[in-house]
Amino acid sequence: MNRTIRNARVKDILLWLIGRRQRIRVAGYSMTPSLHPGQEVLVNAKAYRRSKPQAGDLVTARHPYQRDVILIKRIHRVLDDERFILTGDNPDESTDSRSFGSIHKKDILGRVVCMLFP
């Protein structure tokens, strides 16, 4: 699994400015060392929904029980093209599929493309 997230390029910034990427601020330590609290990432939501999420992808997802909570996690395993096991890179600090089980594809909101501000 690729654990490094690249820095934003000019193209990424332009896509964000025209609304083709979503900006998310990381909260908590569940994704350290890949991401740290306060970092901002850009998420590709629209195109990712049409693609096939794969193990290793860093994604944003809706929490299955707290629907107003958005998670940033890594796809650990794809079960049947419709259900996914999500894990944090820092298991000691992560609330993930180990506690809430698999999530449905419809709850994956997008793929993290890059860090906006490292």
C-alpha atoms as a PDB file:
ATOM      1  CA  MET A   1       0.000   0.000   0.000  1.00  0.00           C
ATOM      2  CA  ASN A   2       1.220   3.452  -0.873  1.00  0.00           C
ATOM      3  CA  ARG A   3       1.439   5.442   2.364  1.00  0.00           C
ATOM      4  CA  THR A   4       2.767   8.713   0.939  1.00  0.00           C
ATOM      5  CA  ILE A   5       0.479  11.489  -0.228  1.00  0.00           C
ATOM      6  CA  ARG A   6       1.912  13.941  -2.704  1.00  0.00           C
ATOM      7  CA  ASN A   7       1.822  17.706  -2.308  1.00  0.00           C
ATOM      8  CA  ALA A   8      -0.658  19.710  -4.361  1.00  0.00           C
ATOM      9  CA  ARG A   9       0.402  20.856  -7.809  1.00  0.00           C
ATOM     10  CA  VAL A  10      -0.847  23.906  -9.705  1.00  0.00           C
ATOM     11  CA  LYS A  11      -3.381  21.731 -11.547  1.00  0.00           C
ATOM     12  CA  ASP A  12      -4.761  20.464  -8.203  1.00  0.00           C
ATOM     13  CA  ILE A  13      -5.198  24.025  -6.910  1.00  0.00           C
ATOM     14  CA  LEU A  14      -6.980  25.064 -10.107  1.00  0.00           C
ATOM     15  CA  LEU A  15      -9.313  22.057  -9.904  1.00  0.00           C
ATOM     16  CA  TRP A  16     -10.126  23.012  -6.308  1.00  0.00           C
ATOM     17  CA  LEU A  17     -10.750  26.643  -7.247  1.00  0.00           C
ATOM     18  CA  ILE A  18     -13.250  25.640  -9.956  1.00  0.00           C
ATOM     19  CA  GLY A  19     -15.021  23.221  -7.626  1.00  0.00           C
ATOM     20  CA  ARG A  20     -13.687  19.920  -8.951  1.00  0.00           C
ATOM     21  CA  ARG A  21     -11.929  19.047  -5.678  1.00  0.00           C
ATOM     22  CA  GLN A  22     -13.136  19.290  -2.101  1.00  0.00           C
ATOM     23  CA  ARG A  23     -10.929  20.672   0.679  1.00  0.00           C
ATOM     24  CA  ILE A  24     -10.881  18.723   3.962  1.00  0.00           C
ATOM     25  CA  ARG A  25      -8.949  19.477   7.159  1.00  0.00           C
ATOM     26  CA  VAL A  26      -7.560  16.468   9.026  1.00  0.00           C
ATOM     27  CA  ALA A  27      -8.672  16.112  12.641  1.00  0.00           C
ATOM     28  CA  GLY A  28      -7.107  13.613  15.006  1.00  0.00           C
ATOM     29  CA  TYR A  29      -4.179  11.239  14.817  1.00  0.00           C
ATOM     30  CA  SER A  30      -5.766   8.199  13.147  1.00  0.00           C
ATOM     31  CA  MET A  31      -3.848   8.672   9.884  1.00  0.00           C
ATOM     32  CA  THR A  32      -0.377   9.479  11.261  1.00  0.00           C
ATOM     33  CA  PRO A  33       2.268   9.258   9.935  1.00  0.00           C
ATOM     34  CA  SER A  34       0.600   9.802   6.526  1.00  0.00           C
ATOM     35  CA  LEU A  35      -1.519  12.773   7.644  1.00  0.00           C
ATOM     36  CA  HIS A  36      -1.384  14.952  10.738  1.00  0.00           C
ATOM     37  CA  PRO A  37      -4.036  17.038  12.525  1.00  0.00           C
ATOM     38  CA  GLY A  38      -4.509  20.408  10.853  1.00  0.00           C
ATOM     39  CA  GLN A  39      -3.221  19.331   7.457  1.00  0.00           C
ATOM     40  CA  GLU A  40      -5.548  19.991   4.543  1.00  0.00           C
ATOM     41  CA  VAL A  41      -6.128  17.561   1.703  1.00  0.00           C
ATOM     42  CA  LEU A  42      -7.936  17.748  -1.612  1.00  0.00           C
ATOM     43  CA  VAL A  43     -10.512  15.082  -2.384  1.00  0.00           C
ATOM     44  CA  ASN A  44     -11.755  13.961  -5.785  1.00  0.00           C
ATOM     45  CA  ALA A  45     -15.389  13.084  -5.149  1.00  0.00           C
ATOM     46  CA  LYS A  46     -17.292  13.133  -8.443  1.00  0.00           C
ATOM     47  CA  ALA A  47     -14.953  11.107 -10.646  1.00  0.00           C
ATOM     48  CA  TYR A  48     -14.141   8.662  -7.849  1.00  0.00           C
ATOM     49  CA  ARG A  49     -17.768   7.617  -7.437  1.00  0.00           C
ATOM     50  CA  ARG A  50     -17.722   6.308 -11.009  1.00  0.00           C
ATOM     51  CA  SER A  51     -14.474   4.391 -10.520  1.00  0.00           C
ATOM     52  CA  LYS A  52     -13.727   1.217  -8.619  1.00  0.00           C
ATOM     53  CA  PRO A  53     -12.203   1.883  -5.169  1.00  0.00           C
ATOM     54  CA  GLN A  54      -9.157  -0.288  -4.501  1.00  0.00           C
ATOM     55  CA  ALA A  55      -7.247  -1.501  -1.480  1.00  0.00           C
ATOM     56  CA  GLY A  56      -4.659   1.116  -0.507  1.00  0.00           C
ATOM     57  CA  ASP A  57      -6.752   4.107  -1.613  1.00  0.00           C
ATOM     58  CA  LEU A  58      -6.985   6.893   0.941  1.00  0.00           C
ATOM     59  CA  VAL A  59     -10.634   7.942   1.023  1.00  0.00           C
ATOM     60  CA  THR A  60     -13.174  10.092   2.784  1.00  0.00           C
ATOM     61  CA  ALA A  61     -16.268   8.254   3.966  1.00  0.00           C
ATOM     62  CA  ARG A  62     -19.403   8.900   5.956  1.00  0.00           C
ATOM     63  CA  HIS A  63     -19.337   7.256   9.394  1.00  0.00           C
ATOM     64  CA  PRO A  64     -21.926   4.446   9.340  1.00  0.00           C
ATOM     65  CA  TYR A  65     -23.545   5.427  12.674  1.00  0.00           C
ATOM     66  CA  GLN A  66     -22.725   9.129  13.054  1.00  0.00           C
ATOM     67  CA  ARG A  67     -23.843  10.341   9.630  1.00  0.00           C
ATOM     68  CA  ASP A  68     -22.585  13.898  10.143  1.00  0.00           C
ATOM     69  CA  VAL A  69     -19.007  12.654  10.746  1.00  0.00           C
ATOM     70  CA  ILE A  70     -16.654  12.415   7.765  1.00  0.00           C
ATOM     71  CA  LEU A  71     -13.753   9.983   8.127  1.00  0.00           C
ATOM     72  CA  ILE A  72     -10.414   9.889   6.333  1.00  0.00           C
ATOM     73  CA  LYS A  73      -9.266   6.266   6.171  1.00  0.00           C
ATOM     74  CA  ARG A  74      -7.449   3.817   3.938  1.00  0.00           C
ATOM     75  CA  ILE A  75      -9.272   1.016   2.132  1.00  0.00           C
ATOM     76  CA  HIS A  76      -7.784  -2.076   3.682  1.00  0.00           C
ATOM     77  CA  ARG A  77      -9.859  -4.652   1.830  1.00  0.00           C
ATOM     78  CA  VAL A  78     -12.564  -4.772  -0.832  1.00  0.00           C
ATOM     79  CA  LEU A  79     -15.163  -7.400   0.040  1.00  0.00           C
ATOM     80  CA  ASP A  80     -17.584  -7.721  -2.846  1.00  0.00           C
ATOM     81  CA  ASP A  81     -17.179  -4.513  -4.891  1.00  0.00           C
ATOM     82  CA  GLU A  82     -19.916  -3.013  -2.680  1.00  0.00           C
ATOM     83  CA  ARG A  83     -18.465  -3.278   0.854  1.00  0.00           C
ATOM     84  CA  PHE A  84     -15.126  -2.057   2.150  1.00  0.00           C
ATOM     85  CA  ILE A  85     -12.966  -2.492   5.224  1.00  0.00           C
ATOM     86  CA  LEU A  86     -11.445   0.873   6.226  1.00  0.00           C
ATOM     87  CA  THR A  87      -8.515   1.315   8.586  1.00  0.00           C
ATOM     88  CA  GLY A  88      -6.468   4.182   9.932  1.00  0.00           C
ATOM     89  CA  ASP A  89      -2.702   4.179   9.445  1.00  0.00           C
ATOM     90  CA  ASN A  90      -2.342   4.588  13.223  1.00  0.00           C
ATOM     91  CA  PRO A  91      -4.476   1.738  14.635  1.00  0.00           C
ATOM     92  CA  ASP A  92      -4.029   2.800  18.272  1.00  0.00           C
ATOM     93  CA  GLU A  93      -5.722   6.158  17.537  1.00  0.00           C
ATOM     94  CA  SER A  94      -8.227   5.081  14.880  1.00  0.00           C
ATOM     95  CA  THR A  95     -11.936   4.391  14.963  1.00  0.00           C
ATOM     96  CA  ASP A  96     -12.388   2.307  11.842  1.00  0.00           C
ATOM     97  CA  SER A  97     -13.884  -0.935  10.509  1.00  0.00           C
ATOM     98  CA  ARG A  98     -12.488  -2.801  13.493  1.00  0.00           C
ATOM     99  CA  SER A  99     -15.135  -1.023  15.574  1.00  0.00           C
ATOM    100  CA  PHE A 100     -17.979  -0.329  13.114  1.00  0.00           C
ATOM    101  CA  GLY A 101     -17.559  -3.079  10.507  1.00  0.00           C
ATOM    102  CA  SER A 102     -17.504  -2.738   6.750  1.00  0.00           C
ATOM    103  CA  ILE A 103     -19.067   0.189   4.941  1.00  0.00           C
ATOM    104  CA  HIS A 104     -21.075   0.302   1.736  1.00  0.00           C
ATOM    105  CA  LYS A 105     -19.687   1.873  -1.443  1.00  0.00           C
ATOM    106  CA  LYS A 106     -22.341   4.620  -1.297  1.00  0.00           C
ATOM    107  CA  ASP A 107     -20.745   5.860   1.942  1.00  0.00           C
ATOM    108  CA  ILE A 108     -17.354   6.458   0.297  1.00  0.00           C
ATOM    109  CA  LEU A 109     -17.366  10.135  -0.618  1.00  0.00           C
ATOM    110  CA  GLY A 110     -14.098  10.461  -2.548  1.00  0.00           C
ATOM    111  CA  ARG A 111     -10.398   9.708  -2.823  1.00  0.00           C
ATOM    112  CA  VAL A 112      -7.747  11.889  -1.223  1.00  0.00           C
ATOM    113  CA  VAL A 113      -5.672  13.210  -4.119  1.00  0.00           C
ATOM    114  CA  CYS A 114      -3.009  15.323  -2.412  1.00  0.00           C
ATOM    115  CA  MET A 115      -2.046  17.493   0.554  1.00  0.00           C
ATOM    116  CA  LEU A 116      -3.040  21.090   0.057  1.00  0.00           C
ATOM    117  CA  PHE A 117      -0.806  22.436   2.822  1.00  0.00           C
ATOM    118  CA  PRO A 118       1.767  20.004   4.240  1.00  0.00           C
END
